[in-house]
Amino acid sequence: MKLQELLDKYIENTEAVLAEIKIAQSMQVDNKKVNSVVETVKRYLEDAKYYRDRKRFETGLASVAYSEGLLDALKLLEVAKFSWPKRKR
């Protein structure tokens, strides 16, 4: 798979998660902080698209990977619920 195709796939998956993400009420984590992390995810996703459009695929891939890592962290903390899209075969 070419780098651009990989970047496109990660961007698509992250957009799908953001469209369905549910933020849980947590006694241990301030929801304002959780929402701030989600906004950061969105900014990194926009950065990834920006770099993709300028054919800077390595930088775009790093940006979207950071978005995915933040989303996974929210899920591990059990303050967000979502499923990553299934791989197409």
PDB file of N, CA and C in Angstrom:
ATOM      1  N   MET A   1       0.848  -1.173   0.000  1.00  0.00           N
ATOM      2  CA  MET A   1       0.000   0.000   0.000  1.00  0.00           C
ATOM      3  C   MET A   1       0.897   1.240   0.000  1.00  0.00           C
ATOM      4  N   LYS A   2       0.560   2.178  -0.849  1.00  0.00           N
ATOM      5  CA  LYS A   2       1.321   3.427  -0.926  1.00  0.00           C
ATOM      6  C   LYS A   2       1.038   4.286   0.301  1.00  0.00           C
ATOM      7  N   LEU A   3       1.979   5.149   0.609  1.00  0.00           N
ATOM      8  CA  LEU A   3       1.863   6.010   1.773  1.00  0.00           C
ATOM      9  C   LEU A   3       0.604   6.869   1.712  1.00  0.00           C
ATOM     10  N   GLN A   4       0.292   7.403   0.551  1.00  0.00           N
ATOM     11  CA  GLN A   4      -0.913   8.233   0.423  1.00  0.00           C
ATOM     12  C   GLN A   4      -2.171   7.414   0.700  1.00  0.00           C
ATOM     13  N   GLU A   5      -2.218   6.177   0.198  1.00  0.00           N
ATOM     14  CA  GLU A   5      -3.390   5.326   0.443  1.00  0.00           C
ATOM     15  C   GLU A   5      -3.531   5.013   1.928  1.00  0.00           C
ATOM     16  N   LEU A   6      -2.412   4.760   2.589  1.00  0.00           N
ATOM     17  CA  LEU A   6      -2.423   4.488   4.019  1.00  0.00           C
ATOM     18  C   LEU A   6      -2.931   5.707   4.790  1.00  0.00           C
ATOM     19  N   LEU A   7      -2.449   6.875   4.437  1.00  0.00           N
ATOM     20  CA  LEU A   7      -2.894   8.106   5.079  1.00  0.00           C
ATOM     21  C   LEU A   7      -4.387   8.314   4.862  1.00  0.00           C
ATOM     22  N   ASP A   8      -4.869   8.110   3.634  1.00  0.00           N
ATOM     23  CA  ASP A   8      -6.296   8.256   3.342  1.00  0.00           C
ATOM     24  C   ASP A   8      -7.126   7.313   4.210  1.00  0.00           C
ATOM     25  N   LYS A   9      -6.650   6.078   4.367  1.00  0.00           N
ATOM     26  CA  LYS A   9      -7.367   5.089   5.174  1.00  0.00           C
ATOM     27  C   LYS A   9      -7.438   5.524   6.635  1.00  0.00           C
ATOM     28  N   TYR A  10      -6.333   5.987   7.188  1.00  0.00           N
ATOM     29  CA  TYR A  10      -6.326   6.424   8.581  1.00  0.00           C
ATOM     30  C   TYR A  10      -7.214   7.647   8.782  1.00  0.00           C
ATOM     31  N   ILE A  11      -7.190   8.572   7.852  1.00  0.00           N
ATOM     32  CA  ILE A  11      -8.059   9.749   7.949  1.00  0.00           C
ATOM     33  C   ILE A  11      -9.518   9.313   7.932  1.00  0.00           C
ATOM     34  N   GLU A  12      -9.881   8.437   7.026  1.00  0.00           N
ATOM     35  CA  GLU A  12     -11.257   7.948   6.922  1.00  0.00           C
ATOM     36  C   GLU A  12     -11.698   7.267   8.217  1.00  0.00           C
ATOM     37  N   ASN A  13     -10.839   6.426   8.772  1.00  0.00           N
ATOM     38  CA  ASN A  13     -11.177   5.725  10.010  1.00  0.00           C
ATOM     39  C   ASN A  13     -11.356   6.691  11.176  1.00  0.00           C
ATOM     40  N   THR A  14     -10.487   7.678  11.273  1.00  0.00           N
ATOM     41  CA  THR A  14     -10.588   8.646  12.363  1.00  0.00           C
ATOM     42  C   THR A  14     -11.852   9.487  12.224  1.00  0.00           C
ATOM     43  N   GLU A  15     -12.200   9.870  11.004  1.00  0.00           N
ATOM     44  CA  GLU A  15     -13.448  10.609  10.780  1.00  0.00           C
ATOM     45  C   GLU A  15     -14.651   9.763  11.185  1.00  0.00           C
ATOM     46  N   ALA A  16     -14.624   8.467  10.884  1.00  0.00           N
ATOM     47  CA  ALA A  16     -15.725   7.575  11.244  1.00  0.00           C
ATOM     48  C   ALA A  16     -15.889   7.490  12.761  1.00  0.00           C
ATOM     49  N   VAL A  17     -14.776   7.397  13.476  1.00  0.00           N
ATOM     50  CA  VAL A  17     -14.840   7.347  14.939  1.00  0.00           C
ATOM     51  C   VAL A  17     -15.388   8.647  15.494  1.00  0.00           C
ATOM     52  N   LEU A  18     -14.920   9.783  15.001  1.00  0.00           N
ATOM     53  CA  LEU A  18     -15.411  11.067  15.498  1.00  0.00           C
ATOM     54  C   LEU A  18     -16.903  11.242  15.240  1.00  0.00           C
ATOM     55  N   ALA A  19     -17.414  10.626  14.191  1.00  0.00           N
ATOM     56  CA  ALA A  19     -18.837  10.727  13.874  1.00  0.00           C
ATOM     57  C   ALA A  19     -19.696   9.925  14.859  1.00  0.00           C
ATOM     58  N   GLU A  20     -19.122   8.911  15.491  1.00  0.00           N
ATOM     59  CA  GLU A  20     -19.916   8.049  16.373  1.00  0.00           C
ATOM     60  C   GLU A  20     -19.509   8.095  17.838  1.00  0.00           C
ATOM     61  N   ILE A  21     -18.443   8.776  18.183  1.00  0.00           N
ATOM     62  CA  ILE A  21     -17.901   8.729  19.540  1.00  0.00           C
ATOM     63  C   ILE A  21     -18.942   9.187  20.563  1.00  0.00           C
ATOM     64  N   LYS A  22     -18.987   8.471  21.671  1.00  0.00           N
ATOM     65  CA  LYS A  22     -19.862   8.813  22.793  1.00  0.00           C
ATOM     66  C   LYS A  22     -18.965   9.048  24.000  1.00  0.00           C
ATOM     67  N   ILE A  23     -19.111  10.199  24.621  1.00  0.00           N
ATOM     68  CA  ILE A  23     -18.324  10.534  25.805  1.00  0.00           C
ATOM     69  C   ILE A  23     -19.123  10.140  27.040  1.00  0.00           C
ATOM     70  N   ALA A  24     -18.523   9.294  27.867  1.00  0.00           N
ATOM     71  CA  ALA A  24     -19.173   8.828  29.084  1.00  0.00           C
ATOM     72  C   ALA A  24     -18.966   9.834  30.213  1.00  0.00           C
ATOM     73  N   GLN A  25     -19.926   9.887  31.120  1.00  0.00           N
ATOM     74  CA  GLN A  25     -19.761  10.696  32.329  1.00  0.00           C
ATOM     75  C   GLN A  25     -18.832   9.930  33.252  1.00  0.00           C
ATOM     76  N   SER A  26     -17.830  10.596  33.752  1.00  0.00           N
ATOM     77  CA  SER A  26     -16.848   9.935  34.601  1.00  0.00           C
ATOM     78  C   SER A  26     -16.698  10.698  35.908  1.00  0.00           C
ATOM     79  N   MET A  27     -16.593   9.942  36.974  1.00  0.00           N
ATOM     80  CA  MET A  27     -16.376  10.558  38.277  1.00  0.00           C
ATOM     81  C   MET A  27     -14.918  10.968  38.447  1.00  0.00           C
ATOM     82  N   GLN A  28     -14.012  10.308  37.715  1.00  0.00           N
ATOM     83  CA  GLN A  28     -12.593  10.556  37.907  1.00  0.00           C
ATOM     84  C   GLN A  28     -11.984  11.542  36.910  1.00  0.00           C
ATOM     85  N   VAL A  29     -12.630  11.733  35.772  1.00  0.00           N
ATOM     86  CA  VAL A  29     -12.053  12.584  34.732  1.00  0.00           C
ATOM     87  C   VAL A  29     -13.022  13.722  34.419  1.00  0.00           C
ATOM     88  N   ASP A  30     -12.522  14.929  34.436  1.00  0.00           N
ATOM     89  CA  ASP A  30     -13.312  16.121  34.136  1.00  0.00           C
ATOM     90  C   ASP A  30     -13.721  16.090  32.663  1.00  0.00           C
ATOM     91  N   ASN A  31     -15.034  16.156  32.410  1.00  0.00           N
ATOM     92  CA  ASN A  31     -15.521  16.095  31.023  1.00  0.00           C
ATOM     93  C   ASN A  31     -15.023  17.248  30.169  1.00  0.00           C
ATOM     94  N   LYS A  32     -14.732  18.407  30.766  1.00  0.00           N
ATOM     95  CA  LYS A  32     -14.166  19.511  29.997  1.00  0.00           C
ATOM     96  C   LYS A  32     -12.808  19.114  29.437  1.00  0.00           C
ATOM     97  N   LYS A  33     -12.044  18.384  30.226  1.00  0.00           N
ATOM     98  CA  LYS A  33     -10.739  17.924  29.766  1.00  0.00           C
ATOM     99  C   LYS A  33     -10.884  16.873  28.679  1.00  0.00           C
ATOM    100  N   VAL A  34     -11.863  15.996  28.823  1.00  0.00           N
ATOM    101  CA  VAL A  34     -12.119  14.985  27.791  1.00  0.00           C
ATOM    102  C   VAL A  34     -12.494  15.674  26.489  1.00  0.00           C
ATOM    103  N   ASN A  35     -13.389  16.643  26.563  1.00  0.00           N
ATOM    104  CA  ASN A  35     -13.799  17.379  25.362  1.00  0.00           C
ATOM    105  C   ASN A  35     -12.625  18.129  24.751  1.00  0.00           C
ATOM    106  N   SER A  36     -11.732  18.622  25.575  1.00  0.00           N
ATOM    107  CA  SER A  36     -10.532  19.293  25.075  1.00  0.00           C
ATOM    108  C   SER A  36      -9.652  18.316  24.290  1.00  0.00           C
ATOM    109  N   VAL A  37      -9.544  17.089  24.782  1.00  0.00           N
ATOM    110  CA  VAL A  37      -8.766  16.067  24.056  1.00  0.00           C
ATOM    111  C   VAL A  37      -9.428  15.768  22.713  1.00  0.00           C
ATOM    112  N   VAL A  38     -10.758  15.652  22.688  1.00  0.00           N
ATOM    113  CA  VAL A  38     -11.472  15.394  21.428  1.00  0.00           C
ATOM    114  C   VAL A  38     -11.232  16.537  20.444  1.00  0.00           C
ATOM    115  N   GLU A  39     -11.226  17.762  20.917  1.00  0.00           N
ATOM    116  CA  GLU A  39     -10.939  18.900  20.037  1.00  0.00           C
ATOM    117  C   GLU A  39      -9.510  18.835  19.508  1.00  0.00           C
ATOM    118  N   THR A  40      -8.589  18.388  20.327  1.00  0.00           N
ATOM    119  CA  THR A  40      -7.210  18.208  19.879  1.00  0.00           C
ATOM    120  C   THR A  40      -7.137  17.138  18.799  1.00  0.00           C
ATOM    121  N   VAL A  41      -7.884  16.059  18.970  1.00  0.00           N
ATOM    122  CA  VAL A  41      -7.958  15.007  17.948  1.00  0.00           C
ATOM    123  C   VAL A  41      -8.413  15.608  16.628  1.00  0.00           C
ATOM    124  N   LYS A  42      -9.433  16.425  16.667  1.00  0.00           N
ATOM    125  CA  LYS A  42      -9.963  17.045  15.444  1.00  0.00           C
ATOM    126  C   LYS A  42      -8.924  17.945  14.787  1.00  0.00           C
ATOM    127  N   ARG A  43      -8.170  18.684  15.592  1.00  0.00           N
ATOM    128  CA  ARG A  43      -7.134  19.562  15.024  1.00  0.00           C
ATOM    129  C   ARG A  43      -6.028  18.750  14.359  1.00  0.00           C
ATOM    130  N   TYR A  44      -5.610  17.659  15.005  1.00  0.00           N
ATOM    131  CA  TYR A  44      -4.590  16.807  14.389  1.00  0.00           C
ATOM    132  C   TYR A  44      -5.112  16.160  13.108  1.00  0.00           C
ATOM    133  N   LEU A  45      -6.389  15.808  13.091  1.00  0.00           N
ATOM    134  CA  LEU A  45      -6.988  15.254  11.876  1.00  0.00           C
ATOM    135  C   LEU A  45      -6.969  16.287  10.753  1.00  0.00           C
ATOM    136  N   GLU A  46      -7.315  17.524  11.059  1.00  0.00           N
ATOM    137  CA  GLU A  46      -7.259  18.584  10.050  1.00  0.00           C
ATOM    138  C   GLU A  46      -5.821  18.807   9.574  1.00  0.00           C
ATOM    139  N   ASP A  47      -4.862  18.719  10.487  1.00  0.00           N
ATOM    140  CA  ASP A  47      -3.457  18.822  10.097  1.00  0.00           C
ATOM    141  C   ASP A  47      -3.099  17.710   9.107  1.00  0.00           C
ATOM    142  N   ALA A  48      -3.568  16.498   9.386  1.00  0.00           N
ATOM    143  CA  ALA A  48      -3.275  15.360   8.504  1.00  0.00           C
ATOM    144  C   ALA A  48      -3.812  15.610   7.100  1.00  0.00           C
ATOM    145  N   LYS A  49      -5.019  16.154   7.007  1.00  0.00           N
ATOM    146  CA  LYS A  49      -5.603  16.462   5.698  1.00  0.00           C
ATOM    147  C   LYS A  49      -4.806  17.558   4.990  1.00  0.00           C
ATOM    148  N   TYR A  50      -4.402  18.553   5.756  1.00  0.00           N
ATOM    149  CA  TYR A  50      -3.597  19.650   5.211  1.00  0.00           C
ATOM    150  C   TYR A  50      -2.314  19.097   4.582  1.00  0.00           C
ATOM    151  N   TYR A  51      -1.605  18.253   5.328  1.00  0.00           N
ATOM    152  CA  TYR A  51      -0.349  17.700   4.821  1.00  0.00           C
ATOM    153  C   TYR A  51      -0.582  16.734   3.662  1.00  0.00           C
ATOM    154  N   ARG A  52      -1.667  15.984   3.713  1.00  0.00           N
ATOM    155  CA  ARG A  52      -1.989  15.091   2.590  1.00  0.00           C
ATOM    156  C   ARG A  52      -2.186  15.904   1.317  1.00  0.00           C
ATOM    157  N   ASP A  53      -2.934  16.992   1.418  1.00  0.00           N
ATOM    158  CA  ASP A  53      -3.223  17.823   0.248  1.00  0.00           C
ATOM    159  C   ASP A  53      -1.961  18.460  -0.323  1.00  0.00           C
ATOM    160  N   ARG A  54      -0.939  18.583   0.494  1.00  0.00           N
ATOM    161  CA  ARG A  54       0.336  19.154   0.042  1.00  0.00           C
ATOM    162  C   ARG A  54       1.382  18.074  -0.246  1.00  0.00           C
ATOM    163  N   LYS A  55       0.891  16.826  -0.307  1.00  0.00           N
ATOM    164  CA  LYS A  55       1.726  15.657  -0.634  1.00  0.00           C
ATOM    165  C   LYS A  55       2.873  15.457   0.360  1.00  0.00           C
ATOM    166  N   ARG A  56       2.648  15.866   1.589  1.00  0.00           N
ATOM    167  CA  ARG A  56       3.607  15.616   2.676  1.00  0.00           C
ATOM    168  C   ARG A  56       3.053  14.465   3.509  1.00  0.00           C
ATOM    169  N   PHE A  57       3.045  13.271   2.890  1.00  0.00           N
ATOM    170  CA  PHE A  57       2.349  12.123   3.439  1.00  0.00           C
ATOM    171  C   PHE A  57       2.933  11.637   4.766  1.00  0.00           C
ATOM    172  N   GLU A  58       4.240  11.698   4.933  1.00  0.00           N
ATOM    173  CA  GLU A  58       4.849  11.260   6.189  1.00  0.00           C
ATOM    174  C   GLU A  58       4.357  12.111   7.353  1.00  0.00           C
ATOM    175  N   THR A  59       4.326  13.415   7.166  1.00  0.00           N
ATOM    176  CA  THR A  59       3.869  14.321   8.216  1.00  0.00           C
ATOM    177  C   THR A  59       2.382  14.124   8.477  1.00  0.00           C
ATOM    178  N   GLY A  60       1.620  13.942   7.418  1.00  0.00           N
ATOM    179  CA  GLY A  60       0.188  13.684   7.565  1.00  0.00           C
ATOM    180  C   GLY A  60      -0.081  12.401   8.328  1.00  0.00           C
ATOM    181  N   LEU A  61       0.689  11.375   8.024  1.00  0.00           N
ATOM    182  CA  LEU A  61       0.519  10.100   8.708  1.00  0.00           C
ATOM    183  C   LEU A  61       0.851  10.236  10.196  1.00  0.00           C
ATOM    184  N   ALA A  62       1.879  10.978  10.517  1.00  0.00           N
ATOM    185  CA  ALA A  62       2.225  11.212  11.920  1.00  0.00           C
ATOM    186  C   ALA A  62       1.088  11.941  12.645  1.00  0.00           C
ATOM    187  N   SER A  63       0.486  12.924  11.984  1.00  0.00           N
ATOM    188  CA  SER A  63      -0.612  13.688  12.594  1.00  0.00           C
ATOM    189  C   SER A  63      -1.824  12.815  12.863  1.00  0.00           C
ATOM    190  N   VAL A  64      -2.213  12.019  11.884  1.00  0.00           N
ATOM    191  CA  VAL A  64      -3.405  11.189  12.069  1.00  0.00           C
ATOM    192  C   VAL A  64      -3.132  10.057  13.057  1.00  0.00           C
ATOM    193  N   ALA A  65      -1.903   9.569  13.095  1.00  0.00           N
ATOM    194  CA  ALA A  65      -1.556   8.532  14.071  1.00  0.00           C
ATOM    195  C   ALA A  65      -1.670   9.088  15.490  1.00  0.00           C
ATOM    196  N   TYR A  66      -1.285  10.341  15.680  1.00  0.00           N
ATOM    197  CA  TYR A  66      -1.425  10.967  16.986  1.00  0.00           C
ATOM    198  C   TYR A  66      -2.902  11.074  17.361  1.00  0.00           C
ATOM    199  N   SER A  67      -3.748  11.425  16.391  1.00  0.00           N
ATOM    200  CA  SER A  67      -5.195  11.474  16.629  1.00  0.00           C
ATOM    201  C   SER A  67      -5.712  10.128  17.106  1.00  0.00           C
ATOM    202  N   GLU A  68      -5.294   9.080  16.424  1.00  0.00           N
ATOM    203  CA  GLU A  68      -5.750   7.740  16.795  1.00  0.00           C
ATOM    204  C   GLU A  68      -5.256   7.359  18.186  1.00  0.00           C
ATOM    205  N   GLY A  69      -4.037   7.743  18.519  1.00  0.00           N
ATOM    206  CA  GLY A  69      -3.509   7.436  19.843  1.00  0.00           C
ATOM    207  C   GLY A  69      -4.302   8.123  20.946  1.00  0.00           C
ATOM    208  N   LEU A  70      -4.671   9.378  20.720  1.00  0.00           N
ATOM    209  CA  LEU A  70      -5.482  10.095  21.702  1.00  0.00           C
ATOM    210  C   LEU A  70      -6.854   9.445  21.858  1.00  0.00           C
ATOM    211  N   LEU A  71      -7.449   9.045  20.745  1.00  0.00           N
ATOM    212  CA  LEU A  71      -8.750   8.368  20.812  1.00  0.00           C
ATOM    213  C   LEU A  71      -8.638   7.051  21.574  1.00  0.00           C
ATOM    214  N   ASP A  72      -7.598   6.289  21.291  1.00  0.00           N
ATOM    215  CA  ASP A  72      -7.395   5.034  22.010  1.00  0.00           C
ATOM    216  C   ASP A  72      -7.206   5.277  23.506  1.00  0.00           C
ATOM    217  N   ALA A  73      -6.496   6.350  23.876  1.00  0.00           N
ATOM    218  CA  ALA A  73      -6.297   6.669  25.285  1.00  0.00           C
ATOM    219  C   ALA A  73      -7.638   6.962  25.969  1.00  0.00           C
ATOM    220  N   LEU A  74      -8.511   7.715  25.298  1.00  0.00           N
ATOM    221  CA  LEU A  74      -9.834   7.991  25.861  1.00  0.00           C
ATOM    222  C   LEU A  74     -10.625   6.704  26.059  1.00  0.00           C
ATOM    223  N   LYS A  75     -10.493   5.794  25.104  1.00  0.00           N
ATOM    224  CA  LYS A  75     -11.194   4.512  25.211  1.00  0.00           C
ATOM    225  C   LYS A  75     -10.631   3.683  26.368  1.00  0.00           C
ATOM    226  N   LEU A  76      -9.309   3.649  26.503  1.00  0.00           N
ATOM    227  CA  LEU A  76      -8.683   2.897  27.592  1.00  0.00           C
ATOM    228  C   LEU A  76      -9.069   3.456  28.964  1.00  0.00           C
ATOM    229  N   LEU A  77      -9.249   4.766  29.047  1.00  0.00           N
ATOM    230  CA  LEU A  77      -9.682   5.394  30.291  1.00  0.00           C
ATOM    231  C   LEU A  77     -11.182   5.210  30.541  1.00  0.00           C
ATOM    232  N   GLU A  78     -11.860   4.601  29.576  1.00  0.00           N
ATOM    233  CA  GLU A  78     -13.302   4.331  29.635  1.00  0.00           C
ATOM    234  C   GLU A  78     -14.133   5.602  29.743  1.00  0.00           C
ATOM    235  N   VAL A  79     -13.665   6.660  29.066  1.00  0.00           N
ATOM    236  CA  VAL A  79     -14.437   7.902  29.016  1.00  0.00           C
ATOM    237  C   VAL A  79     -14.983   8.161  27.614  1.00  0.00           C
ATOM    238  N   ALA A  80     -14.684   7.256  26.680  1.00  0.00           N
ATOM    239  CA  ALA A  80     -15.220   7.361  25.314  1.00  0.00           C
ATOM    240  C   ALA A  80     -15.550   5.962  24.820  1.00  0.00           C
ATOM    241  N   LYS A  81     -16.630   5.890  24.073  1.00  0.00           N
ATOM    242  CA  LYS A  81     -17.046   4.616  23.491  1.00  0.00           C
ATOM    243  C   LYS A  81     -17.125   4.772  21.978  1.00  0.00           C
ATOM    244  N   PHE A  82     -16.458   3.868  21.277  1.00  0.00           N
ATOM    245  CA  PHE A  82     -16.493   3.857  19.816  1.00  0.00           C
ATOM    246  C   PHE A  82     -15.870   2.556  19.344  1.00  0.00           C
ATOM    247  N   SER A  83     -16.053   2.277  18.066  1.00  0.00           N
ATOM    248  CA  SER A  83     -15.418   1.121  17.434  1.00  0.00           C
ATOM    249  C   SER A  83     -14.677   1.604  16.201  1.00  0.00           C
ATOM    250  N   TRP A  84     -13.471   1.090  16.013  1.00  0.00           N
ATOM    251  CA  TRP A  84     -12.756   1.402  14.775  1.00  0.00           C
ATOM    252  C   TRP A  84     -13.444   0.671  13.633  1.00  0.00           C
ATOM    253  N   PRO A  85     -13.547   1.304  12.460  1.00  0.00           N
ATOM    254  CA  PRO A  85     -14.164   0.631  11.315  1.00  0.00           C
ATOM    255  C   PRO A  85     -13.445  -0.671  10.996  1.00  0.00           C
ATOM    256  N   LYS A  86     -14.223  -1.625  10.544  1.00  0.00           N
ATOM    257  CA  LYS A  86     -13.669  -2.924  10.160  1.00  0.00           C
ATOM    258  C   LYS A  86     -12.874  -2.776   8.872  1.00  0.00           C
ATOM    259  N   ARG A  87     -11.803  -3.569   8.771  1.00  0.00           N
ATOM    260  CA  ARG A  87     -10.991  -3.548   7.541  1.00  0.00           C
ATOM    261  C   ARG A  87     -11.773  -4.170   6.399  1.00  0.00           C
ATOM    262  N   LYS A  88     -11.660  -3.550   5.247  1.00  0.00           N
ATOM    263  CA  LYS A  88     -12.282  -4.087   4.040  1.00  0.00           C
ATOM    264  C   LYS A  88     -11.306  -5.069   3.402  1.00  0.00           C
ATOM    265  N   ARG A  89     -11.789  -6.205   2.992  1.00  0.00           N
ATOM    266  CA  ARG A  89     -10.911  -7.207   2.368  1.00  0.00           C
ATOM    267  C   ARG A  89     -11.089  -7.228   0.887  1.00  0.00           C
TER     268      ARG A  89
END
